[in-house]
Amino acid sequence: MHFTYKTQGTCSSAIDFDVENNVLTNVVFTGGCNGNLKGIGSLVEGMNVDEVIRRLQGTHCGWKETSCPDQLARALTLAQEKMAQNA
């Protein structure tokens, strides 16, 4: 299932990704630190969604209360909730 998440409080403005059988694929950030976010997308490609959330949730960027990795964890949490409702 494909998802688009509008980020809040980060330099990136959105995250697009797919989840199939609780596995994360095709992670693409819009805006933000291009190289770093491509790297994050590559690192989490093929990972279990629960593991990605566990590893990235709560990551801060400088003085900000969130970060692009934290926003991805939040997006995945919402995606899990949506998929559970549709099951």
C-alpha atoms as a PDB file:
ATOM      1  CA  MET A   1       0.000   0.000   0.000  1.00  0.00           C
ATOM      2  CA  HIS A   2       1.331   3.440  -0.911  1.00  0.00           C
ATOM      3  CA  PHE A   3       1.378   6.324   1.578  1.00  0.00           C
ATOM      4  CA  THR A   4       2.214  10.022   1.438  1.00  0.00           C
ATOM      5  CA  TYR A   5       2.868  11.796   4.730  1.00  0.00           C
ATOM      6  CA  LYS A   6       3.110  15.587   5.055  1.00  0.00           C
ATOM      7  CA  THR A   7       5.914  16.240   7.530  1.00  0.00           C
ATOM      8  CA  GLN A   8       5.777  18.825  10.310  1.00  0.00           C
ATOM      9  CA  GLY A   9       8.667  20.726  11.865  1.00  0.00           C
ATOM     10  CA  THR A  10      11.355  19.541   9.431  1.00  0.00           C
ATOM     11  CA  CYS A  11      13.109  20.788   6.311  1.00  0.00           C
ATOM     12  CA  SER A  12      11.517  18.005   4.276  1.00  0.00           C
ATOM     13  CA  SER A  13       7.881  18.598   3.326  1.00  0.00           C
ATOM     14  CA  ALA A  14       6.661  15.052   2.623  1.00  0.00           C
ATOM     15  CA  ILE A  15       7.581  11.378   2.694  1.00  0.00           C
ATOM     16  CA  ASP A  16       6.306   8.842   0.171  1.00  0.00           C
ATOM     17  CA  PHE A  17       6.664   5.133   0.879  1.00  0.00           C
ATOM     18  CA  ASP A  18       5.126   1.719   0.359  1.00  0.00           C
ATOM     19  CA  VAL A  19       4.351  -0.981   2.937  1.00  0.00           C
ATOM     20  CA  GLU A  20       3.645  -4.578   1.937  1.00  0.00           C
ATOM     21  CA  ASN A  21       3.494  -7.415   4.480  1.00  0.00           C
ATOM     22  CA  ASN A  22       4.866  -5.012   7.126  1.00  0.00           C
ATOM     23  CA  VAL A  23       7.997  -4.356   5.020  1.00  0.00           C
ATOM     24  CA  LEU A  24       8.996  -0.813   4.056  1.00  0.00           C
ATOM     25  CA  THR A  25      10.005   0.011   0.468  1.00  0.00           C
ATOM     26  CA  ASN A  26      10.342   2.955  -1.921  1.00  0.00           C
ATOM     27  CA  VAL A  27      11.044   5.627   0.708  1.00  0.00           C
ATOM     28  CA  VAL A  28      11.371   9.077  -0.894  1.00  0.00           C
ATOM     29  CA  PHE A  29      11.624  12.356   1.023  1.00  0.00           C
ATOM     30  CA  THR A  30      10.623  15.652  -0.634  1.00  0.00           C
ATOM     31  CA  GLY A  31      12.950  18.489   0.323  1.00  0.00           C
ATOM     32  CA  GLY A  32      15.367  18.391   3.219  1.00  0.00           C
ATOM     33  CA  CYS A  33      19.002  17.275   3.186  1.00  0.00           C
ATOM     34  CA  ASN A  34      19.031  15.360  -0.075  1.00  0.00           C
ATOM     35  CA  GLY A  35      22.028  13.079   0.495  1.00  0.00           C
ATOM     36  CA  ASN A  36      21.194  12.267   4.103  1.00  0.00           C
ATOM     37  CA  LEU A  37      17.578  11.489   3.317  1.00  0.00           C
ATOM     38  CA  LYS A  38      18.488   9.315   0.339  1.00  0.00           C
ATOM     39  CA  GLY A  39      20.813   7.475   2.735  1.00  0.00           C
ATOM     40  CA  ILE A  40      18.051   6.959   5.296  1.00  0.00           C
ATOM     41  CA  GLY A  41      15.758   5.697   2.547  1.00  0.00           C
ATOM     42  CA  SER A  42      18.393   3.202   1.425  1.00  0.00           C
ATOM     43  CA  LEU A  43      19.116   2.023   4.960  1.00  0.00           C
ATOM     44  CA  VAL A  44      15.478   1.302   5.818  1.00  0.00           C
ATOM     45  CA  GLU A  45      14.626  -0.261   2.426  1.00  0.00           C
ATOM     46  CA  GLY A  46      13.311  -3.782   2.997  1.00  0.00           C
ATOM     47  CA  MET A  47      13.182  -3.453   6.793  1.00  0.00           C
ATOM     48  CA  ASN A  48      10.312  -4.489   9.017  1.00  0.00           C
ATOM     49  CA  VAL A  49       8.158  -1.430   9.788  1.00  0.00           C
ATOM     50  CA  ASP A  50       8.194  -2.107  13.543  1.00  0.00           C
ATOM     51  CA  GLU A  51      12.004  -2.147  13.539  1.00  0.00           C
ATOM     52  CA  VAL A  52      12.210   1.124  11.605  1.00  0.00           C
ATOM     53  CA  ILE A  53       9.839   2.774  14.086  1.00  0.00           C
ATOM     54  CA  ARG A  54      11.818   1.417  17.042  1.00  0.00           C
ATOM     55  CA  ARG A  55      15.113   2.701  15.685  1.00  0.00           C
ATOM     56  CA  LEU A  56      14.020   6.147  14.450  1.00  0.00           C
ATOM     57  CA  GLN A  57      11.262   7.247  16.830  1.00  0.00           C
ATOM     58  CA  GLY A  58      12.228  10.193  19.031  1.00  0.00           C
ATOM     59  CA  THR A  59      15.261  11.302  17.010  1.00  0.00           C
ATOM     60  CA  HIS A  60      15.748  15.068  17.309  1.00  0.00           C
ATOM     61  CA  CYS A  61      17.388  17.453  14.820  1.00  0.00           C
ATOM     62  CA  GLY A  62      19.353  20.060  16.743  1.00  0.00           C
ATOM     63  CA  TRP A  63      16.954  22.066  18.910  1.00  0.00           C
ATOM     64  CA  LYS A  64      13.857  20.743  17.112  1.00  0.00           C
ATOM     65  CA  GLU A  65      11.498  18.336  18.842  1.00  0.00           C
ATOM     66  CA  THR A  66      11.482  16.110  15.744  1.00  0.00           C
ATOM     67  CA  SER A  67      13.591  15.194  12.717  1.00  0.00           C
ATOM     68  CA  CYS A  68      13.122  13.628   9.308  1.00  0.00           C
ATOM     69  CA  PRO A  69      13.814  10.148  10.748  1.00  0.00           C
ATOM     70  CA  ASP A  70      11.319  10.792  13.562  1.00  0.00           C
ATOM     71  CA  GLN A  71       8.762  11.986  11.008  1.00  0.00           C
ATOM     72  CA  LEU A  72       9.246   8.727   9.100  1.00  0.00           C
ATOM     73  CA  ALA A  73       8.565   6.795  12.315  1.00  0.00           C
ATOM     74  CA  ARG A  74       5.407   8.846  12.867  1.00  0.00           C
ATOM     75  CA  ALA A  75       4.320   8.287   9.270  1.00  0.00           C
ATOM     76  CA  LEU A  76       4.814   4.539   9.639  1.00  0.00           C
ATOM     77  CA  THR A  77       2.818   4.477  12.876  1.00  0.00           C
ATOM     78  CA  LEU A  78      -0.082   6.205  11.113  1.00  0.00           C
ATOM     79  CA  ALA A  79       0.249   3.842   8.145  1.00  0.00           C
ATOM     80  CA  GLN A  80       0.017   0.836  10.479  1.00  0.00           C
ATOM     81  CA  GLU A  81      -3.134   2.280  12.049  1.00  0.00           C
ATOM     82  CA  LYS A  82      -4.690   2.875   8.627  1.00  0.00           C
ATOM     83  CA  MET A  83      -3.843  -0.643   7.429  1.00  0.00           C
ATOM     84  CA  ALA A  84      -5.316  -2.136  10.623  1.00  0.00           C
ATOM     85  CA  GLN A  85      -8.569  -0.234  10.013  1.00  0.00           C
ATOM     86  CA  ASN A  86      -8.730  -1.551   6.445  1.00  0.00           C
ATOM     87  CA  ALA A  87      -8.014  -5.169   7.456  1.00  0.00           C
END
